[in-house]
Amino acid sequence: MTSTKGPVVQHLAINVRDIEASHRFYTDVLGFEHCGTLAIPGIPDVKFRFYRGDKTRHHDLAMVVEGYKKGAG
């Protein structure tokens, strides 16, 4: 069994509506560390953030938010 110092998931990617609220939940409540951000030139409404549970891993979790319109499902 591999030991770890933090939360563990196996490369999870999720879409979120509110990246700031999701960031607070995954860092403050679940204990993940924010370890990277990606913005795509020419597509300003798409933002990625990357998180890890242990510094020995590049990232465990990728979060993306797209420009949601009010009332969209």
C-alpha atoms as a PDB file:
ATOM      1  CA  MET A   1       0.000   0.000   0.000  1.00  0.00           C
ATOM      2  CA  THR A   2       1.289   3.468  -0.866  1.00  0.00           C
ATOM      3  CA  SER A   3       1.466   5.955   1.999  1.00  0.00           C
ATOM      4  CA  THR A   4       0.207   9.476   1.499  1.00  0.00           C
ATOM      5  CA  LYS A   5       0.169  12.697   3.463  1.00  0.00           C
ATOM      6  CA  GLY A   6      -3.071  14.101   2.074  1.00  0.00           C
ATOM      7  CA  PRO A   7      -6.293  13.311   0.238  1.00  0.00           C
ATOM      8  CA  VAL A   8      -6.044  10.854  -2.648  1.00  0.00           C
ATOM      9  CA  VAL A   9      -8.027  10.548  -5.879  1.00  0.00           C
ATOM     10  CA  GLN A  10      -6.894   9.103  -9.175  1.00  0.00           C
ATOM     11  CA  HIS A  11      -6.814  11.997 -11.645  1.00  0.00           C
ATOM     12  CA  LEU A  12     -10.336  13.333 -11.315  1.00  0.00           C
ATOM     13  CA  ALA A  13     -11.587  16.088 -13.649  1.00  0.00           C
ATOM     14  CA  ILE A  14     -14.765  17.976 -12.776  1.00  0.00           C
ATOM     15  CA  ASN A  15     -16.808  20.824 -14.254  1.00  0.00           C
ATOM     16  CA  VAL A  16     -17.882  23.477 -11.753  1.00  0.00           C
ATOM     17  CA  ARG A  17     -20.110  26.547 -11.938  1.00  0.00           C
ATOM     18  CA  ASP A  18     -18.357  28.591  -9.253  1.00  0.00           C
ATOM     19  CA  ILE A  19     -14.616  28.004  -9.282  1.00  0.00           C
ATOM     20  CA  GLU A  20     -13.977  30.207  -6.225  1.00  0.00           C
ATOM     21  CA  ALA A  21     -16.513  28.347  -4.050  1.00  0.00           C
ATOM     22  CA  SER A  22     -15.222  25.011  -5.340  1.00  0.00           C
ATOM     23  CA  HIS A  23     -11.645  26.115  -4.637  1.00  0.00           C
ATOM     24  CA  ARG A  24     -12.501  26.939  -1.017  1.00  0.00           C
ATOM     25  CA  PHE A  25     -14.282  23.593  -0.559  1.00  0.00           C
ATOM     26  CA  TYR A  26     -11.486  21.457  -2.016  1.00  0.00           C
ATOM     27  CA  THR A  27      -8.698  23.335  -0.191  1.00  0.00           C
ATOM     28  CA  ASP A  28     -10.261  24.381   3.141  1.00  0.00           C
ATOM     29  CA  VAL A  29     -12.593  21.429   3.727  1.00  0.00           C
ATOM     30  CA  LEU A  30     -10.962  18.496   1.898  1.00  0.00           C
ATOM     31  CA  GLY A  31      -7.340  19.586   2.294  1.00  0.00           C
ATOM     32  CA  PHE A  32      -6.155  19.643  -1.330  1.00  0.00           C
ATOM     33  CA  GLU A  33      -3.373  22.047  -2.348  1.00  0.00           C
ATOM     34  CA  HIS A  34      -3.877  24.337  -5.366  1.00  0.00           C
ATOM     35  CA  CYS A  35      -0.835  23.544  -7.539  1.00  0.00           C
ATOM     36  CA  GLY A  36      -1.556  25.055 -10.944  1.00  0.00           C
ATOM     37  CA  THR A  37      -3.773  27.177 -13.160  1.00  0.00           C
ATOM     38  CA  LEU A  38      -4.350  27.124 -16.908  1.00  0.00           C
ATOM     39  CA  ALA A  39      -6.029  29.738 -19.053  1.00  0.00           C
ATOM     40  CA  ILE A  40      -6.463  29.134 -22.769  1.00  0.00           C
ATOM     41  CA  PRO A  41      -5.508  32.136 -24.927  1.00  0.00           C
ATOM     42  CA  GLY A  42      -8.417  33.266 -27.057  1.00  0.00           C
ATOM     43  CA  ILE A  43     -10.981  31.448 -24.892  1.00  0.00           C
ATOM     44  CA  PRO A  44     -11.372  33.684 -21.826  1.00  0.00           C
ATOM     45  CA  ASP A  45     -14.454  31.914 -20.414  1.00  0.00           C
ATOM     46  CA  VAL A  46     -12.619  28.618 -19.795  1.00  0.00           C
ATOM     47  CA  LYS A  47     -10.351  28.330 -16.767  1.00  0.00           C
ATOM     48  CA  PHE A  48      -8.646  25.285 -15.252  1.00  0.00           C
ATOM     49  CA  ARG A  49      -7.233  24.786 -11.755  1.00  0.00           C
ATOM     50  CA  PHE A  50      -5.219  21.807 -10.590  1.00  0.00           C
ATOM     51  CA  TYR A  51      -4.992  20.364  -7.063  1.00  0.00           C
ATOM     52  CA  ARG A  52      -3.005  17.681  -5.281  1.00  0.00           C
ATOM     53  CA  GLY A  53      -3.248  15.903  -1.977  1.00  0.00           C
ATOM     54  CA  ASP A  54       0.484  15.288  -1.643  1.00  0.00           C
ATOM     55  CA  LYS A  55       3.468  17.285  -2.916  1.00  0.00           C
ATOM     56  CA  THR A  56       4.973  14.133  -4.432  1.00  0.00           C
ATOM     57  CA  ARG A  57       2.241  14.119  -7.117  1.00  0.00           C
ATOM     58  CA  HIS A  58       1.893  16.656  -9.926  1.00  0.00           C
ATOM     59  CA  HIS A  59      -1.885  16.855  -9.524  1.00  0.00           C
ATOM     60  CA  ASP A  60      -4.802  14.637  -8.521  1.00  0.00           C
ATOM     61  CA  LEU A  61      -7.753  16.819  -9.412  1.00  0.00           C
ATOM     62  CA  ALA A  62      -8.492  19.114 -12.339  1.00  0.00           C
ATOM     63  CA  MET A  63     -11.324  21.616 -12.066  1.00  0.00           C
ATOM     64  CA  VAL A  64     -12.721  23.540 -15.024  1.00  0.00           C
ATOM     65  CA  VAL A  65     -15.278  26.312 -15.215  1.00  0.00           C
ATOM     66  CA  GLU A  66     -16.851  27.422 -18.455  1.00  0.00           C
ATOM     67  CA  GLY A  67     -18.806  30.638 -18.947  1.00  0.00           C
ATOM     68  CA  TYR A  68     -22.205  29.534 -17.651  1.00  0.00           C
ATOM     69  CA  LYS A  69     -25.239  31.588 -18.569  1.00  0.00           C
ATOM     70  CA  LYS A  70     -27.833  32.351 -15.927  1.00  0.00           C
ATOM     71  CA  GLY A  71     -30.586  29.757 -16.082  1.00  0.00           C
ATOM     72  CA  ALA A  72     -28.473  27.204 -17.930  1.00  0.00           C
ATOM     73  CA  GLY A  73     -28.611  23.656 -16.576  1.00  0.00           C
END
